[in-house]
Amino acid sequence: MNDLKLECSFSSWYPIFKKDSLEARILHIPDEVLKYLEHDTFVLPLEAAKSLPKDSEWVDGSPVTCEEEVFINIF
């Protein structure tokens, strides 16, 4: 993870702004669970993709398409 991404992560800024934020808890996710999630794909219902603004992009910059099923890899 690059330094900027780490600095912007929830676990970095939340303790500083806790009094001005909604209540939340930072949970440690075991490495086994992260590995599992990295190799799994999530399916978004077609309705969810259709409700996004036109010309939307995923985090990696790829366009959101409204195909029959939309698969999302979270990592």
PDB file of N, CA and C in Angstrom:
ATOM      1  N   MET A   1       0.858  -1.166   0.000  1.00  0.00           N
ATOM      2  CA  MET A   1       0.000   0.000   0.000  1.00  0.00           C
ATOM      3  C   MET A   1       0.904   1.229   0.000  1.00  0.00           C
ATOM      4  N   ASN A   2       0.637   2.166  -0.902  1.00  0.00           N
ATOM      5  CA  ASN A   2       1.484   3.360  -0.920  1.00  0.00           C
ATOM      6  C   ASN A   2       1.165   4.247   0.276  1.00  0.00           C
ATOM      7  N   ASP A   3       2.066   5.183   0.575  1.00  0.00           N
ATOM      8  CA  ASP A   3       1.939   6.015   1.765  1.00  0.00           C
ATOM      9  C   ASP A   3       0.659   6.847   1.781  1.00  0.00           C
ATOM     10  N   LEU A   4       0.292   7.429   0.644  1.00  0.00           N
ATOM     11  CA  LEU A   4      -0.902   8.259   0.588  1.00  0.00           C
ATOM     12  C   LEU A   4      -2.153   7.433   0.860  1.00  0.00           C
ATOM     13  N   LYS A   5      -2.211   6.255   0.279  1.00  0.00           N
ATOM     14  CA  LYS A   5      -3.366   5.390   0.495  1.00  0.00           C
ATOM     15  C   LYS A   5      -3.458   5.011   1.973  1.00  0.00           C
ATOM     16  N   LEU A   6      -2.334   4.723   2.601  1.00  0.00           N
ATOM     17  CA  LEU A   6      -2.313   4.380   4.016  1.00  0.00           C
ATOM     18  C   LEU A   6      -2.759   5.566   4.864  1.00  0.00           C
ATOM     19  N   GLU A   7      -2.280   6.760   4.540  1.00  0.00           N
ATOM     20  CA  GLU A   7      -2.644   7.958   5.292  1.00  0.00           C
ATOM     21  C   GLU A   7      -4.134   8.281   5.179  1.00  0.00           C
ATOM     22  N   CYS A   8      -4.746   7.941   4.049  1.00  0.00           N
ATOM     23  CA  CYS A   8      -6.163   8.223   3.833  1.00  0.00           C
ATOM     24  C   CYS A   8      -7.071   7.101   4.336  1.00  0.00           C
ATOM     25  N   SER A   9      -6.500   6.027   4.790  1.00  0.00           N
ATOM     26  CA  SER A   9      -7.311   4.898   5.230  1.00  0.00           C
ATOM     27  C   SER A   9      -8.083   5.258   6.501  1.00  0.00           C
ATOM     28  N   PHE A  10      -9.205   4.649   6.662  1.00  0.00           N
ATOM     29  CA  PHE A  10     -10.094   4.906   7.793  1.00  0.00           C
ATOM     30  C   PHE A  10      -9.362   4.771   9.123  1.00  0.00           C
ATOM     31  N   SER A  11      -8.577   3.731   9.254  1.00  0.00           N
ATOM     32  CA  SER A  11      -7.894   3.485  10.530  1.00  0.00           C
ATOM     33  C   SER A  11      -6.868   4.567  10.859  1.00  0.00           C
ATOM     34  N   SER A  12      -6.431   5.332   9.861  1.00  0.00           N
ATOM     35  CA  SER A  12      -5.481   6.421  10.112  1.00  0.00           C
ATOM     36  C   SER A  12      -6.180   7.711  10.547  1.00  0.00           C
ATOM     37  N   TRP A  13      -7.262   8.069   9.877  1.00  0.00           N
ATOM     38  CA  TRP A  13      -7.888   9.357  10.190  1.00  0.00           C
ATOM     39  C   TRP A  13      -8.959   9.274  11.249  1.00  0.00           C
ATOM     40  N   TYR A  14      -9.620   8.129  11.427  1.00  0.00           N
ATOM     41  CA  TYR A  14     -10.732   8.062  12.374  1.00  0.00           C
ATOM     42  C   TYR A  14     -10.335   8.411  13.804  1.00  0.00           C
ATOM     43  N   PRO A  15      -9.241   7.878  14.346  1.00  0.00           N
ATOM     44  CA  PRO A  15      -8.893   8.244  15.725  1.00  0.00           C
ATOM     45  C   PRO A  15      -8.706   9.759  15.917  1.00  0.00           C
ATOM     46  N   ILE A  16      -8.235  10.439  14.898  1.00  0.00           N
ATOM     47  CA  ILE A  16      -8.019  11.890  14.984  1.00  0.00           C
ATOM     48  C   ILE A  16      -9.353  12.643  14.992  1.00  0.00           C
ATOM     49  N   PHE A  17     -10.301  12.205  14.166  1.00  0.00           N
ATOM     50  CA  PHE A  17     -11.580  12.907  14.009  1.00  0.00           C
ATOM     51  C   PHE A  17     -12.751  12.189  14.677  1.00  0.00           C
ATOM     52  N   LYS A  18     -12.459  11.308  15.607  1.00  0.00           N
ATOM     53  CA  LYS A  18     -13.488  10.491  16.249  1.00  0.00           C
ATOM     54  C   LYS A  18     -14.612  11.344  16.841  1.00  0.00           C
ATOM     55  N   LYS A  19     -14.261  12.438  17.492  1.00  0.00           N
ATOM     56  CA  LYS A  19     -15.293  13.269  18.132  1.00  0.00           C
ATOM     57  C   LYS A  19     -16.205  13.956  17.112  1.00  0.00           C
ATOM     58  N   ASP A  20     -15.780  14.076  15.872  1.00  0.00           N
ATOM     59  CA  ASP A  20     -16.570  14.717  14.823  1.00  0.00           C
ATOM     60  C   ASP A  20     -17.159  13.719  13.831  1.00  0.00           C
ATOM     61  N   SER A  21     -17.059  12.426  14.129  1.00  0.00           N
ATOM     62  CA  SER A  21     -17.505  11.378  13.207  1.00  0.00           C
ATOM     63  C   SER A  21     -18.585  10.523  13.847  1.00  0.00           C
ATOM     64  N   LEU A  22     -19.254   9.746  13.016  1.00  0.00           N
ATOM     65  CA  LEU A  22     -20.194   8.758  13.530  1.00  0.00           C
ATOM     66  C   LEU A  22     -19.422   7.699  14.296  1.00  0.00           C
ATOM     67  N   GLU A  23     -20.081   7.078  15.252  1.00  0.00           N
ATOM     68  CA  GLU A  23     -19.418   6.032  16.025  1.00  0.00           C
ATOM     69  C   GLU A  23     -19.067   4.864  15.118  1.00  0.00           C
ATOM     70  N   ALA A  24     -17.871   4.372  15.266  1.00  0.00           N
ATOM     71  CA  ALA A  24     -17.411   3.247  14.452  1.00  0.00           C
ATOM     72  C   ALA A  24     -16.369   2.467  15.237  1.00  0.00           C
ATOM     73  N   ARG A  25     -16.115   1.266  14.785  1.00  0.00           N
ATOM     74  CA  ARG A  25     -15.074   0.428  15.383  1.00  0.00           C
ATOM     75  C   ARG A  25     -14.166  -0.072  14.276  1.00  0.00           C
ATOM     76  N   ILE A  26     -12.893  -0.117  14.567  1.00  0.00           N
ATOM     77  CA  ILE A  26     -11.912  -0.633  13.620  1.00  0.00           C
ATOM     78  C   ILE A  26     -11.635  -2.070  14.005  1.00  0.00           C
ATOM     79  N   LEU A  27     -11.904  -2.975  13.107  1.00  0.00           N
ATOM     80  CA  LEU A  27     -11.728  -4.407  13.370  1.00  0.00           C
ATOM     81  C   LEU A  27     -10.533  -4.945  12.605  1.00  0.00           C
ATOM     82  N   HIS A  28      -9.779  -5.793  13.253  1.00  0.00           N
ATOM     83  CA  HIS A  28      -8.679  -6.482  12.571  1.00  0.00           C
ATOM     84  C   HIS A  28      -9.281  -7.641  11.785  1.00  0.00           C
ATOM     85  N   ILE A  29      -8.959  -7.719  10.517  1.00  0.00           N
ATOM     86  CA  ILE A  29      -9.431  -8.821   9.678  1.00  0.00           C
ATOM     87  C   ILE A  29      -8.274  -9.794   9.517  1.00  0.00           C
ATOM     88  N   PRO A  30      -8.469 -11.046   9.941  1.00  0.00           N
ATOM     89  CA  PRO A  30      -7.386 -12.032   9.837  1.00  0.00           C
ATOM     90  C   PRO A  30      -6.912 -12.202   8.387  1.00  0.00           C
ATOM     91  N   ASP A  31      -5.630 -12.487   8.223  1.00  0.00           N
ATOM     92  CA  ASP A  31      -5.047 -12.669   6.890  1.00  0.00           C
ATOM     93  C   ASP A  31      -5.775 -13.728   6.071  1.00  0.00           C
ATOM     94  N   GLU A  32      -6.255 -14.781   6.725  1.00  0.00           N
ATOM     95  CA  GLU A  32      -6.956 -15.848   5.993  1.00  0.00           C
ATOM     96  C   GLU A  32      -8.228 -15.304   5.346  1.00  0.00           C
ATOM     97  N   VAL A  33      -8.928 -14.420   6.058  1.00  0.00           N
ATOM     98  CA  VAL A  33     -10.160 -13.844   5.518  1.00  0.00           C
ATOM     99  C   VAL A  33      -9.830 -12.908   4.356  1.00  0.00           C
ATOM    100  N   LEU A  34      -8.787 -12.096   4.506  1.00  0.00           N
ATOM    101  CA  LEU A  34      -8.379 -11.208   3.411  1.00  0.00           C
ATOM    102  C   LEU A  34      -8.001 -12.001   2.167  1.00  0.00           C
ATOM    103  N   LYS A  35      -7.269 -13.084   2.348  1.00  0.00           N
ATOM    104  CA  LYS A  35      -6.897 -13.926   1.198  1.00  0.00           C
ATOM    105  C   LYS A  35      -8.137 -14.493   0.526  1.00  0.00           C
ATOM    106  N   TYR A  36      -9.107 -14.924   1.330  1.00  0.00           N
ATOM    107  CA  TYR A  36     -10.352 -15.454   0.788  1.00  0.00           C
ATOM    108  C   TYR A  36     -11.074 -14.377  -0.027  1.00  0.00           C
ATOM    109  N   LEU A  37     -11.178 -13.174   0.532  1.00  0.00           N
ATOM    110  CA  LEU A  37     -11.877 -12.094  -0.154  1.00  0.00           C
ATOM    111  C   LEU A  37     -11.171 -11.667  -1.434  1.00  0.00           C
ATOM    112  N   GLU A  38      -9.840 -11.705  -1.430  1.00  0.00           N
ATOM    113  CA  GLU A  38      -9.088 -11.327  -2.618  1.00  0.00           C
ATOM    114  C   GLU A  38      -9.350 -12.262  -3.794  1.00  0.00           C
ATOM    115  N   HIS A  39      -9.751 -13.477  -3.521  1.00  0.00           N
ATOM    116  CA  HIS A  39      -9.957 -14.457  -4.582  1.00  0.00           C
ATOM    117  C   HIS A  39     -11.432 -14.702  -4.867  1.00  0.00           C
ATOM    118  N   ASP A  40     -12.295 -13.887  -4.287  1.00  0.00           N
ATOM    119  CA  ASP A  40     -13.719 -14.073  -4.485  1.00  0.00           C
ATOM    120  C   ASP A  40     -14.268 -12.915  -5.317  1.00  0.00           C
ATOM    121  N   THR A  41     -15.377 -13.126  -5.970  1.00  0.00           N
ATOM    122  CA  THR A  41     -16.021 -12.115  -6.788  1.00  0.00           C
ATOM    123  C   THR A  41     -17.422 -11.884  -6.247  1.00  0.00           C
ATOM    124  N   PHE A  42     -17.828 -10.621  -6.221  1.00  0.00           N
ATOM    125  CA  PHE A  42     -19.163 -10.283  -5.777  1.00  0.00           C
ATOM    126  C   PHE A  42     -20.025  -9.971  -6.989  1.00  0.00           C
ATOM    127  N   VAL A  43     -21.279 -10.355  -6.930  1.00  0.00           N
ATOM    128  CA  VAL A  43     -22.208 -10.094  -8.025  1.00  0.00           C
ATOM    129  C   VAL A  43     -23.180  -9.008  -7.565  1.00  0.00           C
ATOM    130  N   LEU A  44     -23.210  -7.920  -8.325  1.00  0.00           N
ATOM    131  CA  LEU A  44     -24.168  -6.848  -8.054  1.00  0.00           C
ATOM    132  C   LEU A  44     -25.426  -7.093  -8.865  1.00  0.00           C
ATOM    133  N   PRO A  45     -26.592  -6.899  -8.270  1.00  0.00           N
ATOM    134  CA  PRO A  45     -27.815  -7.023  -9.065  1.00  0.00           C
ATOM    135  C   PRO A  45     -27.820  -5.975 -10.184  1.00  0.00           C
ATOM    136  N   LEU A  46     -28.429  -6.296 -11.280  1.00  0.00           N
ATOM    137  CA  LEU A  46     -28.492  -5.400 -12.426  1.00  0.00           C
ATOM    138  C   LEU A  46     -29.075  -4.044 -12.031  1.00  0.00           C
ATOM    139  N   GLU A  47     -30.062  -4.049 -11.136  1.00  0.00           N
ATOM    140  CA  GLU A  47     -30.694  -2.803 -10.700  1.00  0.00           C
ATOM    141  C   GLU A  47     -29.686  -1.867 -10.038  1.00  0.00           C
ATOM    142  N   ALA A  48     -28.720  -2.414  -9.313  1.00  0.00           N
ATOM    143  CA  ALA A  48     -27.726  -1.591  -8.625  1.00  0.00           C
ATOM    144  C   ALA A  48     -26.839  -0.860  -9.630  1.00  0.00           C
ATOM    145  N   ALA A  49     -26.418  -1.541 -10.673  1.00  0.00           N
ATOM    146  CA  ALA A  49     -25.575  -0.909 -11.686  1.00  0.00           C
ATOM    147  C   ALA A  49     -26.367   0.116 -12.489  1.00  0.00           C
ATOM    148  N   LYS A  50     -27.631  -0.152 -12.732  1.00  0.00           N
ATOM    149  CA  LYS A  50     -28.459   0.778 -13.505  1.00  0.00           C
ATOM    150  C   LYS A  50     -28.735   2.065 -12.745  1.00  0.00           C
ATOM    151  N   SER A  51     -28.681   2.023 -11.412  1.00  0.00           N
ATOM    152  CA  SER A  51     -28.986   3.224 -10.626  1.00  0.00           C
ATOM    153  C   SER A  51     -27.787   4.162 -10.501  1.00  0.00           C
ATOM    154  N   LEU A  52     -26.629   3.759 -10.987  1.00  0.00           N
ATOM    155  CA  LEU A  52     -25.438   4.612 -10.925  1.00  0.00           C
ATOM    156  C   LEU A  52     -25.512   5.699 -11.988  1.00  0.00           C
ATOM    157  N   PRO A  53     -24.861   6.838 -11.727  1.00  0.00           N
ATOM    158  CA  PRO A  53     -24.851   7.904 -12.740  1.00  0.00           C
ATOM    159  C   PRO A  53     -24.211   7.426 -14.048  1.00  0.00           C
ATOM    160  N   LYS A  54     -24.643   8.031 -15.156  1.00  0.00           N
ATOM    161  CA  LYS A  54     -24.088   7.687 -16.467  1.00  0.00           C
ATOM    162  C   LYS A  54     -22.582   7.945 -16.459  1.00  0.00           C
ATOM    163  N   ASP A  55     -21.828   7.140 -17.161  1.00  0.00           N
ATOM    164  CA  ASP A  55     -20.368   7.242 -17.257  1.00  0.00           C
ATOM    165  C   ASP A  55     -19.658   7.021 -15.928  1.00  0.00           C
ATOM    166  N   SER A  56     -20.249   6.217 -15.028  1.00  0.00           N
ATOM    167  CA  SER A  56     -19.601   5.896 -13.751  1.00  0.00           C
ATOM    168  C   SER A  56     -18.398   5.003 -13.989  1.00  0.00           C
ATOM    169  N   GLU A  57     -17.447   5.080 -13.070  1.00  0.00           N
ATOM    170  CA  GLU A  57     -16.252   4.241 -13.148  1.00  0.00           C
ATOM    171  C   GLU A  57     -16.048   3.540 -11.815  1.00  0.00           C
ATOM    172  N   TRP A  58     -15.437   2.360 -11.889  1.00  0.00           N
ATOM    173  CA  TRP A  58     -15.026   1.657 -10.687  1.00  0.00           C
ATOM    174  C   TRP A  58     -13.734   2.284 -10.185  1.00  0.00           C
ATOM    175  N   VAL A  59     -13.295   1.894  -9.017  1.00  0.00           N
ATOM    176  CA  VAL A  59     -12.090   2.453  -8.404  1.00  0.00           C
ATOM    177  C   VAL A  59     -10.880   2.307  -9.319  1.00  0.00           C
ATOM    178  N   ASP A  60     -10.816   1.211 -10.081  1.00  0.00           N
ATOM    179  CA  ASP A  60      -9.663   1.002 -10.958  1.00  0.00           C
ATOM    180  C   ASP A  60      -9.758   1.793 -12.266  1.00  0.00           C
ATOM    181  N   GLY A  61     -10.829   2.595 -12.431  1.00  0.00           N
ATOM    182  CA  GLY A  61     -10.975   3.414 -13.621  1.00  0.00           C
ATOM    183  C   GLY A  61     -11.756   2.755 -14.740  1.00  0.00           C
ATOM    184  N   SER A  62     -12.112   1.485 -14.586  1.00  0.00           N
ATOM    185  CA  SER A  62     -12.860   0.810 -15.643  1.00  0.00           C
ATOM    186  C   SER A  62     -14.324   1.252 -15.605  1.00  0.00           C
ATOM    187  N   PRO A  63     -14.968   1.327 -16.758  1.00  0.00           N
ATOM    188  CA  PRO A  63     -16.355   1.810 -16.800  1.00  0.00           C
ATOM    189  C   PRO A  63     -17.326   0.791 -16.205  1.00  0.00           C
ATOM    190  N   VAL A  64     -18.395   1.303 -15.606  1.00  0.00           N
ATOM    191  CA  VAL A  64     -19.470   0.448 -15.112  1.00  0.00           C
ATOM    192  C   VAL A  64     -20.345   0.121 -16.299  1.00  0.00           C
ATOM    193  N   THR A  65     -20.569  -1.154 -16.542  1.00  0.00           N
ATOM    194  CA  THR A  65     -21.436  -1.571 -17.640  1.00  0.00           C
ATOM    195  C   THR A  65     -22.671  -2.235 -17.077  1.00  0.00           C
ATOM    196  N   CYS A  66     -23.784  -2.049 -17.725  1.00  0.00           N
ATOM    197  CA  CYS A  66     -25.045  -2.655 -17.278  1.00  0.00           C
ATOM    198  C   CYS A  66     -25.311  -3.904 -18.091  1.00  0.00           C
ATOM    199  N   GLU A  67     -24.517  -4.909 -17.841  1.00  0.00           N
ATOM    200  CA  GLU A  67     -24.721  -6.184 -18.507  1.00  0.00           C
ATOM    201  C   GLU A  67     -25.698  -6.996 -17.676  1.00  0.00           C
ATOM    202  N   GLU A  68     -25.970  -8.212 -18.077  1.00  0.00           N
ATOM    203  CA  GLU A  68     -26.925  -9.024 -17.343  1.00  0.00           C
ATOM    204  C   GLU A  68     -26.523  -9.202 -15.895  1.00  0.00           C
ATOM    205  N   GLU A  69     -25.271  -9.450 -15.634  1.00  0.00           N
ATOM    206  CA  GLU A  69     -24.749  -9.540 -14.275  1.00  0.00           C
ATOM    207  C   GLU A  69     -23.474  -8.711 -14.223  1.00  0.00           C
ATOM    208  N   VAL A  70     -23.259  -8.032 -13.114  1.00  0.00           N
ATOM    209  CA  VAL A  70     -22.050  -7.231 -12.939  1.00  0.00           C
ATOM    210  C   VAL A  70     -21.224  -7.902 -11.860  1.00  0.00           C
ATOM    211  N   PHE A  71     -20.008  -8.306 -12.201  1.00  0.00           N
ATOM    212  CA  PHE A  71     -19.121  -8.940 -11.246  1.00  0.00           C
ATOM    213  C   PHE A  71     -18.106  -7.925 -10.754  1.00  0.00           C
ATOM    214  N   ILE A  72     -17.883  -7.902  -9.444  1.00  0.00           N
ATOM    215  CA  ILE A  72     -16.939  -6.959  -8.863  1.00  0.00           C
ATOM    216  C   ILE A  72     -15.899  -7.730  -8.073  1.00  0.00           C
ATOM    217  N   ASN A  73     -14.665  -7.478  -8.366  1.00  0.00           N
ATOM    218  CA  ASN A  73     -13.581  -8.022  -7.557  1.00  0.00           C
ATOM    219  C   ASN A  73     -13.188  -6.908  -6.605  1.00  0.00           C
ATOM    220  N   ILE A  74     -13.286  -7.128  -5.296  1.00  0.00           N
ATOM    221  CA  ILE A  74     -13.083  -6.049  -4.335  1.00  0.00           C
ATOM    222  C   ILE A  74     -11.635  -5.657  -4.169  1.00  0.00           C
ATOM    223  N   PHE A  75     -10.704  -6.414  -4.700  1.00  0.00           N
ATOM    224  CA  PHE A  75      -9.294  -6.041  -4.569  1.00  0.00           C
ATOM    225  C   PHE A  75      -8.663  -5.907  -5.913  1.00  0.00           C
TER     226      PHE A  75
END
